[in-house]
Each structure stands twice: as C-alpha cells, then as structure tokens.
Amino acid sequence: MQIEELKKCPSAEICWYFTESWEQFRIAGRTDIIDGSNPDCVKIQQREKAWFSTSVKSQLQYLGPNPGLPFLSLII
C-alpha cells in the first residue's frame, strides 16, 4: 500500500498467520501519516525517537526499493 492510498483511505489492517499453530492475529485501525508536512510537533518528535532507537540494519529495511524493483546489496 502506498502513502497516497493511506491518505485517501486511512483504514488499514496487518495480519500474521502461524502455520504450526494455525493461529491468525489481525490488528485493524486508522493510520496517521506522520511525515515532514505533519503540523503536530509531538508526533514528529515521537517518529524521530522511534526511528533513531532502531538499529541501522532495521532502518535499511525501510530504505529498499519498491516491491518488484531490483535490490542492491549494501555491505555495512
């Protein structure tokens, strides 16, 4: 799902399925896009705190190409 789609329709759901236990977990809710244009300073600070508290390897997962595009491997 693209950011523009979420801006038009902010409802979203994530789902995990565990094949061994046959369990499925779903979380549904309303999304809130917190990008540089968001006027809420508290939300911006929370976003930055969350981002910088993750490892570099975790951050790199978000910087990859869009699905279907080639992936360039980075050595860190």
N, C-alpha and C. Protein backbone atom coordinates (compact mmCIF):
# COMPACT_ATOMS: atom_id res chain seq x y z
N MET A 1 0.84 -1.17 0.00
CA MET A 1 0.00 0.00 0.00
C MET A 1 0.89 1.24 0.00
N GLN A 2 0.54 2.18 -0.80
CA GLN A 2 1.30 3.42 -0.92
C GLN A 2 0.78 4.48 0.05
N ILE A 3 1.62 5.43 0.40
CA ILE A 3 1.24 6.51 1.31
C ILE A 3 0.04 7.29 0.76
N GLU A 4 0.04 7.55 -0.53
CA GLU A 4 -1.08 8.30 -1.11
C GLU A 4 -2.39 7.57 -0.93
N GLU A 5 -2.38 6.24 -1.01
CA GLU A 5 -3.59 5.45 -0.79
C GLU A 5 -4.07 5.60 0.65
N LEU A 6 -3.12 5.57 1.60
CA LEU A 6 -3.49 5.72 3.00
C LEU A 6 -4.03 7.11 3.31
N LYS A 7 -3.53 8.11 2.61
CA LYS A 7 -4.05 9.46 2.83
C LYS A 7 -5.51 9.56 2.38
N LYS A 8 -5.86 8.84 1.31
CA LYS A 8 -7.24 8.86 0.81
C LYS A 8 -8.16 7.98 1.65
N CYS A 9 -7.64 6.85 2.10
CA CYS A 9 -8.43 5.89 2.88
C CYS A 9 -7.54 5.39 4.02
N PRO A 10 -7.62 6.00 5.20
CA PRO A 10 -6.67 5.70 6.27
C PRO A 10 -6.91 4.39 7.03
N SER A 11 -7.89 3.62 6.64
CA SER A 11 -8.12 2.33 7.31
C SER A 11 -7.09 1.31 6.84
N ALA A 12 -6.54 0.55 7.78
CA ALA A 12 -5.53 -0.45 7.42
C ALA A 12 -5.63 -1.64 8.37
N GLU A 13 -5.03 -2.74 7.94
CA GLU A 13 -5.01 -3.95 8.77
C GLU A 13 -3.73 -4.70 8.49
N ILE A 14 -3.13 -5.24 9.55
CA ILE A 14 -1.98 -6.12 9.39
C ILE A 14 -2.38 -7.49 9.94
N CYS A 15 -1.77 -8.52 9.41
CA CYS A 15 -2.18 -9.87 9.76
C CYS A 15 -0.95 -10.77 9.84
N TRP A 16 -0.89 -11.61 10.87
CA TRP A 16 0.13 -12.63 11.00
C TRP A 16 -0.56 -13.98 11.05
N TYR A 17 0.00 -14.95 10.34
CA TYR A 17 -0.53 -16.31 10.37
C TYR A 17 0.60 -17.25 10.73
N PHE A 18 0.38 -18.06 11.76
CA PHE A 18 1.36 -19.03 12.22
C PHE A 18 0.92 -20.42 11.77
N THR A 19 1.68 -20.99 10.84
CA THR A 19 1.26 -22.25 10.23
C THR A 19 1.28 -23.43 11.21
N GLU A 20 2.21 -23.44 12.14
CA GLU A 20 2.29 -24.57 13.07
C GLU A 20 1.10 -24.63 14.02
N SER A 21 0.68 -23.48 14.52
CA SER A 21 -0.42 -23.45 15.48
C SER A 21 -1.77 -23.14 14.83
N TRP A 22 -1.76 -22.81 13.56
CA TRP A 22 -2.96 -22.43 12.82
C TRP A 22 -3.63 -21.20 13.44
N GLU A 23 -2.82 -20.32 13.97
CA GLU A 23 -3.36 -19.10 14.59
C GLU A 23 -3.16 -17.92 13.65
N GLN A 24 -4.13 -17.03 13.68
CA GLN A 24 -4.04 -15.81 12.89
C GLN A 24 -4.32 -14.64 13.81
N PHE A 25 -3.49 -13.62 13.71
CA PHE A 25 -3.67 -12.42 14.51
C PHE A 25 -3.85 -11.24 13.55
N ARG A 26 -4.86 -10.43 13.82
CA ARG A 26 -5.14 -9.26 12.99
C ARG A 26 -5.23 -8.02 13.86
N ILE A 27 -4.66 -6.96 13.37
CA ILE A 27 -4.78 -5.66 14.00
C ILE A 27 -5.33 -4.71 12.94
N ALA A 28 -6.45 -4.11 13.24
CA ALA A 28 -7.08 -3.18 12.29
C ALA A 28 -7.22 -1.81 12.96
N GLY A 29 -7.11 -0.78 12.17
CA GLY A 29 -7.27 0.56 12.73
C GLY A 29 -7.13 1.64 11.68
N ARG A 30 -7.02 2.84 12.17
CA ARG A 30 -6.88 4.02 11.32
C ARG A 30 -5.42 4.46 11.35
N THR A 31 -4.87 4.73 10.20
CA THR A 31 -3.47 5.17 10.12
C THR A 31 -3.38 6.68 10.23
N ASP A 32 -2.24 7.15 10.62
CA ASP A 32 -1.96 8.58 10.71
C ASP A 32 -0.58 8.78 10.07
N ILE A 33 -0.53 9.46 8.94
CA ILE A 33 0.73 9.70 8.25
C ILE A 33 1.49 10.81 8.98
N ILE A 34 2.68 10.48 9.44
CA ILE A 34 3.49 11.47 10.15
C ILE A 34 4.75 11.69 9.34
N ASP A 35 4.64 12.54 8.33
CA ASP A 35 5.79 12.89 7.50
C ASP A 35 6.21 14.32 7.81
N GLY A 36 7.13 14.84 7.05
CA GLY A 36 7.64 16.18 7.30
C GLY A 36 6.59 17.27 7.19
N SER A 37 5.47 17.00 6.54
CA SER A 37 4.43 18.02 6.39
C SER A 37 3.41 17.98 7.53
N ASN A 38 3.54 17.02 8.46
CA ASN A 38 2.61 16.92 9.57
C ASN A 38 2.84 18.10 10.52
N PRO A 39 1.78 18.83 10.87
CA PRO A 39 1.96 20.02 11.71
C PRO A 39 2.12 19.72 13.20
N ASP A 40 1.94 18.48 13.63
CA ASP A 40 1.99 18.13 15.04
C ASP A 40 3.43 17.85 15.47
N CYS A 41 4.03 18.78 16.20
CA CYS A 41 5.43 18.66 16.61
C CYS A 41 5.66 17.45 17.51
N VAL A 42 4.70 17.12 18.36
CA VAL A 42 4.84 15.98 19.27
C VAL A 42 4.92 14.69 18.46
N LYS A 43 4.07 14.55 17.44
CA LYS A 43 4.11 13.35 16.60
C LYS A 43 5.42 13.24 15.83
N ILE A 44 5.92 14.38 15.36
CA ILE A 44 7.21 14.39 14.65
C ILE A 44 8.32 13.92 15.60
N GLN A 45 8.32 14.41 16.83
CA GLN A 45 9.33 14.01 17.81
C GLN A 45 9.22 12.51 18.12
N GLN A 46 7.99 12.00 18.25
CA GLN A 46 7.80 10.58 18.50
C GLN A 46 8.32 9.74 17.34
N ARG A 47 8.05 10.20 16.11
CA ARG A 47 8.53 9.49 14.92
C ARG A 47 10.05 9.43 14.92
N GLU A 48 10.70 10.57 15.17
CA GLU A 48 12.16 10.61 15.18
C GLU A 48 12.74 9.75 16.30
N LYS A 49 12.12 9.77 17.46
CA LYS A 49 12.60 8.95 18.59
C LYS A 49 12.51 7.47 18.22
N ALA A 50 11.40 7.07 17.62
CA ALA A 50 11.23 5.66 17.23
C ALA A 50 12.25 5.27 16.16
N TRP A 51 12.46 6.15 15.18
CA TRP A 51 13.39 5.84 14.09
C TRP A 51 14.82 5.68 14.61
N PHE A 52 15.27 6.64 15.40
CA PHE A 52 16.66 6.62 15.85
C PHE A 52 16.92 5.60 16.95
N SER A 53 15.87 5.01 17.52
CA SER A 53 16.07 3.97 18.53
C SER A 53 16.23 2.59 17.89
N THR A 54 16.03 2.49 16.57
CA THR A 54 16.20 1.21 15.88
C THR A 54 17.63 1.07 15.36
N SER A 55 18.02 -0.16 15.08
CA SER A 55 19.37 -0.41 14.57
C SER A 55 19.49 0.03 13.11
N VAL A 56 20.72 0.21 12.67
CA VAL A 56 20.97 0.58 11.27
C VAL A 56 20.42 -0.49 10.33
N LYS A 57 20.60 -1.76 10.68
CA LYS A 57 20.08 -2.83 9.83
C LYS A 57 18.56 -2.75 9.70
N SER A 58 17.91 -2.43 10.79
CA SER A 58 16.45 -2.28 10.75
C SER A 58 16.06 -1.09 9.88
N GLN A 59 16.77 0.01 10.00
CA GLN A 59 16.47 1.20 9.19
C GLN A 59 16.66 0.91 7.71
N LEU A 60 17.67 0.12 7.36
CA LEU A 60 17.93 -0.18 5.96
C LEU A 60 16.78 -0.95 5.30
N GLN A 61 16.02 -1.69 6.09
CA GLN A 61 14.88 -2.42 5.53
C GLN A 61 13.86 -1.46 4.92
N TYR A 62 13.74 -0.27 5.49
CA TYR A 62 12.77 0.72 5.02
C TYR A 62 13.30 1.54 3.85
N LEU A 63 14.57 1.44 3.58
CA LEU A 63 15.18 2.25 2.52
C LEU A 63 15.37 1.47 1.22
N GLY A 64 14.86 0.25 1.18
CA GLY A 64 14.99 -0.58 -0.01
C GLY A 64 14.08 -0.11 -1.13
N PRO A 65 14.21 -0.72 -2.28
CA PRO A 65 13.38 -0.33 -3.43
C PRO A 65 11.93 -0.78 -3.25
N ASN A 66 11.05 -0.21 -4.05
CA ASN A 66 9.65 -0.64 -4.06
C ASN A 66 9.59 -2.10 -4.50
N PRO A 67 8.56 -2.83 -4.04
CA PRO A 67 8.43 -4.23 -4.46
C PRO A 67 8.46 -4.36 -5.97
N GLY A 68 9.19 -5.37 -6.44
CA GLY A 68 9.30 -5.62 -7.88
C GLY A 68 10.52 -4.99 -8.53
N LEU A 69 11.17 -4.06 -7.81
CA LEU A 69 12.39 -3.42 -8.35
C LEU A 69 13.62 -4.17 -7.85
N PRO A 70 14.72 -4.10 -8.59
CA PRO A 70 15.93 -4.81 -8.15
C PRO A 70 16.44 -4.27 -6.82
N PHE A 71 17.04 -5.14 -6.05
CA PHE A 71 17.59 -4.79 -4.74
C PHE A 71 19.11 -4.74 -4.85
N LEU A 72 19.71 -3.63 -4.43
CA LEU A 72 21.16 -3.50 -4.41
C LEU A 72 21.65 -3.78 -3.00
N SER A 73 22.52 -4.74 -2.87
CA SER A 73 23.02 -5.13 -1.56
C SER A 73 24.05 -4.13 -1.08
N LEU A 74 23.91 -3.71 0.20
CA LEU A 74 24.86 -2.79 0.82
C LEU A 74 25.63 -3.57 1.87
N ILE A 75 26.91 -3.35 1.94
CA ILE A 75 27.74 -4.00 2.96
C ILE A 75 28.03 -2.97 4.04
N ILE A 76 27.67 -3.34 5.25
CA ILE A 76 27.90 -2.42 6.38
C ILE A 76 28.86 -3.06 7.36
